[in-house]
C-alpha atoms as a PDB file:
ATOM      1  CA  MET A   1     -51.225 132.453 295.024  1.00  0.00           C
ATOM      2  CA  PHE A   2     -52.365 129.579 292.818  1.00  0.00           C
ATOM      3  CA  ILE A   3     -51.276 129.486 289.257  1.00  0.00           C
ATOM      4  CA  ASN A   4     -53.705 130.940 286.668  1.00  0.00           C
ATOM      5  CA  ASN A   5     -55.862 128.859 284.574  1.00  0.00           C
ATOM      6  CA  PRO A   6     -56.260 130.635 281.250  1.00  0.00           C
ATOM      7  CA  LYS A   7     -57.544 128.133 278.778  1.00  0.00           C
ATOM      8  CA  THR A   8     -55.497 129.648 276.059  1.00  0.00           C
ATOM      9  CA  ASP A   9     -52.208 129.367 277.922  1.00  0.00           C
ATOM     10  CA  GLU A  10     -50.355 126.314 276.553  1.00  0.00           C
ATOM     11  CA  ILE A  11     -47.955 126.269 279.411  1.00  0.00           C
ATOM     12  CA  TYR A  12     -50.522 126.014 282.134  1.00  0.00           C
ATOM     13  CA  SER A  13     -50.830 122.159 282.092  1.00  0.00           C
ATOM     14  CA  TRP A  14     -47.019 121.744 281.763  1.00  0.00           C
ATOM     15  CA  LEU A  15     -46.506 124.055 284.797  1.00  0.00           C
ATOM     16  CA  GLN A  16     -49.079 122.156 286.825  1.00  0.00           C
ATOM     17  CA  ARG A  17     -47.232 118.962 286.278  1.00  0.00           C
ATOM     18  CA  GLU A  18     -43.940 120.530 287.064  1.00  0.00           C
ATOM     19  CA  LEU A  19     -45.139 122.110 290.217  1.00  0.00           C
ATOM     20  CA  ARG A  20     -46.467 118.704 291.186  1.00  0.00           C
ATOM     21  CA  THR A  21     -43.012 117.328 290.812  1.00  0.00           C
ATOM     22  CA  ASP A  22     -41.560 120.184 292.898  1.00  0.00           C
ATOM     23  CA  HIS A  23     -44.100 119.632 295.600  1.00  0.00           C
ATOM     24  CA  ALA A  24     -43.285 115.895 295.692  1.00  0.00           C
ATOM     25  CA  GLY A  25     -39.588 116.665 295.639  1.00  0.00           C
ATOM     26  CA  GLU A  26     -39.743 119.081 298.602  1.00  0.00           C
ATOM     27  CA  THR A  27     -41.855 116.587 300.508  1.00  0.00           C
ATOM     28  CA  GLY A  28     -39.224 113.955 299.775  1.00  0.00           C
ATOM     29  CA  ALA A  29     -36.428 116.335 300.730  1.00  0.00           C
ATOM     30  CA  ILE A  30     -37.925 116.882 304.182  1.00  0.00           C
ATOM     31  CA  ALA A  31     -38.155 113.081 304.593  1.00  0.00           C
ATOM     32  CA  ILE A  32     -34.516 112.717 303.596  1.00  0.00           C
ATOM     33  CA  TYR A  33     -33.470 114.964 306.475  1.00  0.00           C
ATOM     34  CA  ASP A  34     -35.917 113.213 308.807  1.00  0.00           C
ATOM     35  CA  GLY A  35     -34.171 109.914 307.895  1.00  0.00           C
ATOM     36  CA  ILE A  36     -30.724 111.502 308.496  1.00  0.00           C
ATOM     37  CA  LEU A  37     -31.851 112.865 311.832  1.00  0.00           C
ATOM     38  CA  ALA A  38     -33.371 109.476 312.894  1.00  0.00           C
ATOM     39  CA  MET A  39     -30.071 107.651 312.206  1.00  0.00           C
ATOM     40  CA  SER A  40     -27.140 109.948 312.782  1.00  0.00           C
ATOM     41  CA  SER A  41     -25.577 110.905 316.051  1.00  0.00           C
ATOM     42  CA  CYS A  42     -22.892 113.008 314.436  1.00  0.00           C
ATOM     43  CA  LYS A  43     -23.199 116.553 315.631  1.00  0.00           C
ATOM     44  CA  LYS A  44     -22.037 118.072 312.290  1.00  0.00           C
ATOM     45  CA  VAL A  45     -24.476 115.891 310.285  1.00  0.00           C
ATOM     46  CA  ARG A  46     -27.325 116.712 312.621  1.00  0.00           C
ATOM     47  CA  GLY A  47     -26.753 120.371 312.506  1.00  0.00           C
ATOM     48  CA  PHE A  48     -26.536 120.256 308.714  1.00  0.00           C
ATOM     49  CA  ALA A  49     -29.723 118.260 308.511  1.00  0.00           C
ATOM     50  CA  THR A  50     -31.644 120.417 310.953  1.00  0.00           C
ATOM     51  CA  ARG A  51     -30.808 123.620 309.182  1.00  0.00           C
ATOM     52  CA  HIS A  52     -31.508 122.340 305.684  1.00  0.00           C
ATOM     53  CA  ARG A  53     -34.722 120.551 306.771  1.00  0.00           C
ATOM     54  CA  GLU A  54     -36.098 123.995 307.872  1.00  0.00           C
ATOM     55  CA  THR A  55     -35.199 125.423 304.377  1.00  0.00           C
ATOM     56  CA  GLU A  56     -36.913 122.551 302.650  1.00  0.00           C
ATOM     57  CA  LYS A  57     -40.039 123.081 304.782  1.00  0.00           C
ATOM     58  CA  GLN A  58     -40.099 126.688 303.641  1.00  0.00           C
ATOM     59  CA  HIS A  59     -39.782 125.603 300.002  1.00  0.00           C
ATOM     60  CA  LEU A  60     -42.724 123.186 300.526  1.00  0.00           C
ATOM     61  CA  GLN A  61     -44.887 126.037 301.819  1.00  0.00           C
ATOM     62  CA  ARG A  62     -44.032 128.179 298.910  1.00  0.00           C
ATOM     63  CA  ILE A  63     -44.787 125.427 296.335  1.00  0.00           C
ATOM     64  CA  GLU A  64     -48.061 124.631 298.223  1.00  0.00           C
ATOM     65  CA  SER A  65     -49.071 128.313 297.750  1.00  0.00           C
ATOM     66  CA  LEU A  66     -48.819 127.721 294.045  1.00  0.00           C
ATOM     67  CA  LEU A  67     -50.421 124.341 293.602  1.00  0.00           C
ATOM     68  CA  PRO A  68     -53.953 123.438 294.869  1.00  0.00           C
ATOM     69  CA  ALA A  69     -54.183 120.364 296.975  1.00  0.00           C
ATOM     70  CA  SER A  70     -56.208 118.691 294.278  1.00  0.00           C
ATOM     71  CA  GLN A  71     -53.267 118.935 291.859  1.00  0.00           C
ATOM     72  CA  ARG A  72     -50.673 117.356 294.248  1.00  0.00           C
ATOM     73  CA  SER A  73     -49.207 113.884 293.750  1.00  0.00           C
ATOM     74  CA  ILE A  74     -51.286 111.057 295.211  1.00  0.00           C
ATOM     75  CA  LEU A  75     -47.936 109.249 295.787  1.00  0.00           C
ATOM     76  CA  LEU A  76     -46.831 111.583 298.620  1.00  0.00           C
ATOM     77  CA  PRO A  77     -46.662 108.687 301.099  1.00  0.00           C
ATOM     78  CA  VAL A  78     -44.293 106.883 298.731  1.00  0.00           C
ATOM     79  CA  TRP A  79     -42.074 110.007 298.385  1.00  0.00           C
ATOM     80  CA  ARG A  80     -41.923 110.339 302.199  1.00  0.00           C
ATOM     81  CA  ILE A  81     -40.845 106.683 302.576  1.00  0.00           C
ATOM     82  CA  ALA A  82     -38.365 106.819 299.791  1.00  0.00           C
ATOM     83  CA  GLY A  83     -37.043 110.085 301.112  1.00  0.00           C
ATOM     84  CA  PHE A  84     -36.691 108.725 304.576  1.00  0.00           C
ATOM     85  CA  PHE A  85     -34.681 105.796 303.477  1.00  0.00           C
ATOM     86  CA  THR A  86     -32.581 107.958 301.152  1.00  0.00           C
ATOM     87  CA  GLY A  87     -31.503 109.776 304.227  1.00  0.00           C
ATOM     88  CA  ALA A  88     -31.438 106.966 306.778  1.00  0.00           C
ATOM     89  CA  ILE A  89     -29.331 104.532 304.839  1.00  0.00           C
ATOM     90  CA  PRO A  90     -26.332 106.831 304.354  1.00  0.00           C
ATOM     91  CA  ALA A  91     -26.703 108.245 307.879  1.00  0.00           C
ATOM     92  CA  SER A  92     -26.379 104.716 309.239  1.00  0.00           C
ATOM     93  CA  ILE A  93     -23.048 104.276 307.296  1.00  0.00           C
ATOM     94  CA  SER A  94     -21.030 107.498 307.494  1.00  0.00           C
ATOM     95  CA  SER A  95     -21.192 111.281 307.513  1.00  0.00           C
ATOM     96  CA  SER A  96     -19.292 111.339 304.129  1.00  0.00           C
ATOM     97  CA  MET A  97     -22.028 109.183 302.630  1.00  0.00           C
ATOM     98  CA  VAL A  98     -24.650 111.544 303.891  1.00  0.00           C
ATOM     99  CA  PHE A  99     -22.909 114.541 302.322  1.00  0.00           C
ATOM    100  CA  ALA A 100     -22.342 112.671 299.035  1.00  0.00           C
ATOM    101  CA  THR A 101     -25.988 111.740 298.992  1.00  0.00           C
ATOM    102  CA  ILE A 102     -27.128 115.364 299.565  1.00  0.00           C
ATOM    103  CA  ALA A 103     -24.651 116.576 296.900  1.00  0.00           C
ATOM    104  CA  ALA A 104     -26.135 114.057 294.406  1.00  0.00           C
ATOM    105  CA  VAL A 105     -29.737 114.894 295.275  1.00  0.00           C
ATOM    106  CA  GLU A 106     -29.187 118.643 295.030  1.00  0.00           C
ATOM    107  CA  SER A 107     -27.243 118.331 291.742  1.00  0.00           C
ATOM    108  CA  PHE A 108     -30.389 116.613 290.312  1.00  0.00           C
ATOM    109  CA  VAL A 109     -32.609 119.286 291.898  1.00  0.00           C
ATOM    110  CA  ASP A 110     -30.508 122.185 290.346  1.00  0.00           C
ATOM    111  CA  SER A 111     -30.888 120.662 286.882  1.00  0.00           C
ATOM    112  CA  HIS A 112     -34.650 120.112 287.389  1.00  0.00           C
ATOM    113  CA  TYR A 113     -35.315 123.643 288.625  1.00  0.00           C
ATOM    114  CA  SER A 114     -33.003 125.140 285.964  1.00  0.00           C
ATOM    115  CA  GLN A 115     -35.079 123.480 283.184  1.00  0.00           C
ATOM    116  CA  GLN A 116     -38.330 124.866 284.582  1.00  0.00           C
ATOM    117  CA  ILE A 117     -36.869 128.364 285.056  1.00  0.00           C
ATOM    118  CA  ASN A 118     -35.548 128.332 281.498  1.00  0.00           C
ATOM    119  CA  ARG A 119     -38.916 127.316 280.080  1.00  0.00           C
ATOM    120  CA  LEU A 120     -40.578 130.199 281.984  1.00  0.00           C
ATOM    121  CA  SER A 121     -37.950 132.857 281.108  1.00  0.00           C
ATOM    122  CA  ASP A 122     -40.027 134.383 278.336  1.00  0.00           C
ATOM    123  CA  LYS A 123     -43.423 133.995 280.035  1.00  0.00           C
ATOM    124  CA  PRO A 124     -44.103 137.223 281.916  1.00  0.00           C
ATOM    125  CA  LEU A 125     -47.436 135.829 283.180  1.00  0.00           C
ATOM    126  CA  TYR A 126     -45.406 133.459 285.287  1.00  0.00           C
ATOM    127  CA  SER A 127     -42.563 135.637 286.404  1.00  0.00           C
ATOM    128  CA  ASP A 128     -43.649 135.411 290.090  1.00  0.00           C
ATOM    129  CA  ILE A 129     -43.474 131.630 289.909  1.00  0.00           C
ATOM    130  CA  SER A 130     -40.194 131.689 288.080  1.00  0.00           C
ATOM    131  CA  ASP A 131     -38.809 133.913 290.855  1.00  0.00           C
ATOM    132  CA  ILE A 132     -39.928 131.479 293.518  1.00  0.00           C
ATOM    133  CA  LEU A 133     -38.348 128.602 291.642  1.00  0.00           C
ATOM    134  CA  GLN A 134     -35.097 130.505 291.248  1.00  0.00           C
ATOM    135  CA  GLU A 135     -35.015 131.254 295.038  1.00  0.00           C
ATOM    136  CA  CYS A 136     -35.600 127.603 295.801  1.00  0.00           C
ATOM    137  CA  ARG A 137     -32.882 126.613 293.308  1.00  0.00           C
ATOM    138  CA  GLN A 138     -30.385 129.015 294.970  1.00  0.00           C
ATOM    139  CA  ASP A 139     -31.019 127.459 298.292  1.00  0.00           C
ATOM    140  CA  GLU A 140     -30.559 123.945 296.859  1.00  0.00           C
ATOM    141  CA  LEU A 141     -27.219 125.005 295.318  1.00  0.00           C
ATOM    142  CA  GLU A 142     -26.068 126.239 298.757  1.00  0.00           C
ATOM    143  CA  HIS A 143     -27.014 122.838 300.252  1.00  0.00           C
ATOM    144  CA  ARG A 144     -25.074 121.046 297.523  1.00  0.00           C
ATOM    145  CA  ASN A 145     -22.022 123.272 297.913  1.00  0.00           C
ATOM    146  CA  GLU A 146     -22.005 122.900 301.660  1.00  0.00           C
ATOM    147  CA  ALA A 147     -22.385 119.118 301.356  1.00  0.00           C
ATOM    148  CA  ILE A 148     -19.448 118.979 298.973  1.00  0.00           C
ATOM    149  CA  LYS A 149     -17.294 121.061 301.379  1.00  0.00           C
ATOM    150  CA  LEU A 150     -18.235 118.794 304.284  1.00  0.00           C
ATOM    151  CA  GLN A 151     -17.312 115.520 302.553  1.00  0.00           C
ATOM    152  CA  VAL A 152     -14.190 114.226 304.355  1.00  0.00           C
ATOM    153  CA  LEU A 153     -13.465 111.319 302.015  1.00  0.00           C
ATOM    154  CA  GLU A 154     -13.489 111.086 298.332  1.00  0.00           C
ATOM    155  CA  PRO A 155     -16.403 108.933 297.391  1.00  0.00           C
ATOM    156  CA  GLY A 156     -15.455 105.268 296.709  1.00  0.00           C
ATOM    157  CA  VAL A 157     -17.106 102.935 294.250  1.00  0.00           C
ATOM    158  CA  PHE A 158     -19.887 101.928 296.782  1.00  0.00           C
ATOM    159  CA  VAL A 159     -20.804 105.636 297.469  1.00  0.00           C
ATOM    160  CA  ARG A 160     -20.675 106.519 293.759  1.00  0.00           C
ATOM    161  CA  GLY A 161     -22.948 103.564 293.009  1.00  0.00           C
ATOM    162  CA  TRP A 162     -25.352 104.747 295.771  1.00  0.00           C
ATOM    163  CA  CYS A 163     -25.328 108.249 294.364  1.00  0.00           C
ATOM    164  CA  TRP A 164     -26.072 106.967 290.973  1.00  0.00           C
ATOM    165  CA  LEU A 165     -29.040 104.993 292.284  1.00  0.00           C
ATOM    166  CA  VAL A 166     -30.243 108.106 294.097  1.00  0.00           C
ATOM    167  CA  GLY A 167     -29.967 110.151 290.872  1.00  0.00           C
ATOM    168  CA  PHE A 168     -31.762 107.417 288.905  1.00  0.00           C
ATOM    169  CA  GLY A 169     -34.459 107.228 291.509  1.00  0.00           C
ATOM    170  CA  SER A 170     -34.930 110.931 291.319  1.00  0.00           C
ATOM    171  CA  VAL A 171     -35.453 110.758 287.565  1.00  0.00           C
ATOM    172  CA  ILE A 172     -38.077 108.013 288.050  1.00  0.00           C
ATOM    173  CA  SER A 173     -39.736 109.891 290.828  1.00  0.00           C
ATOM    174  CA  VAL A 174     -40.085 113.025 288.713  1.00  0.00           C
ATOM    175  CA  SER A 175     -41.546 111.046 285.792  1.00  0.00           C
ATOM    176  CA  LEU A 176     -44.101 109.479 288.067  1.00  0.00           C
ATOM    177  CA  ALA A 177     -44.986 112.679 289.907  1.00  0.00           C
ATOM    178  CA  ARG A 178     -45.694 114.388 286.586  1.00  0.00           C
ATOM    179  CA  ARG A 179     -48.430 111.847 285.960  1.00  0.00           C
ATOM    180  CA  VAL A 180     -49.785 110.884 289.418  1.00  0.00           C
END
């Protein structure tokens, strides 16, 4: 189901840009888990990453059903590389850093999806899309909450700085994906 293209619908171009960011984000999320799996030998981290990678693949398929290939970000290779290193770097340091990173990413994603869902709340034409975004958001909240529960150590200055950088990178990535 691709999004409609009624020329009189002012929300159409906004929604296309937002779905492009969602597609880029889900692509990056899969790559984050690929990076974690490439670098971590911790059974708990690997199990977490394997489960959540599958969920992100389902999200990507759902977003792809809404957004034609011609409307997807041309920067997908960049999002894959950035995602891989966003997962690989903390996985090479500690499990707590992995879980802090995922909590930071998913907190950003929660806010991002919430803004989209709120904007669509009074647009019945797009209720099916809003429902899909809400389902994806709920999964992301579960990922965040599980990551928070699995953090063994309180994040120190280095990890908090890393998480800030991840959040800032997410803001920049969304801004770029809206345009390209």
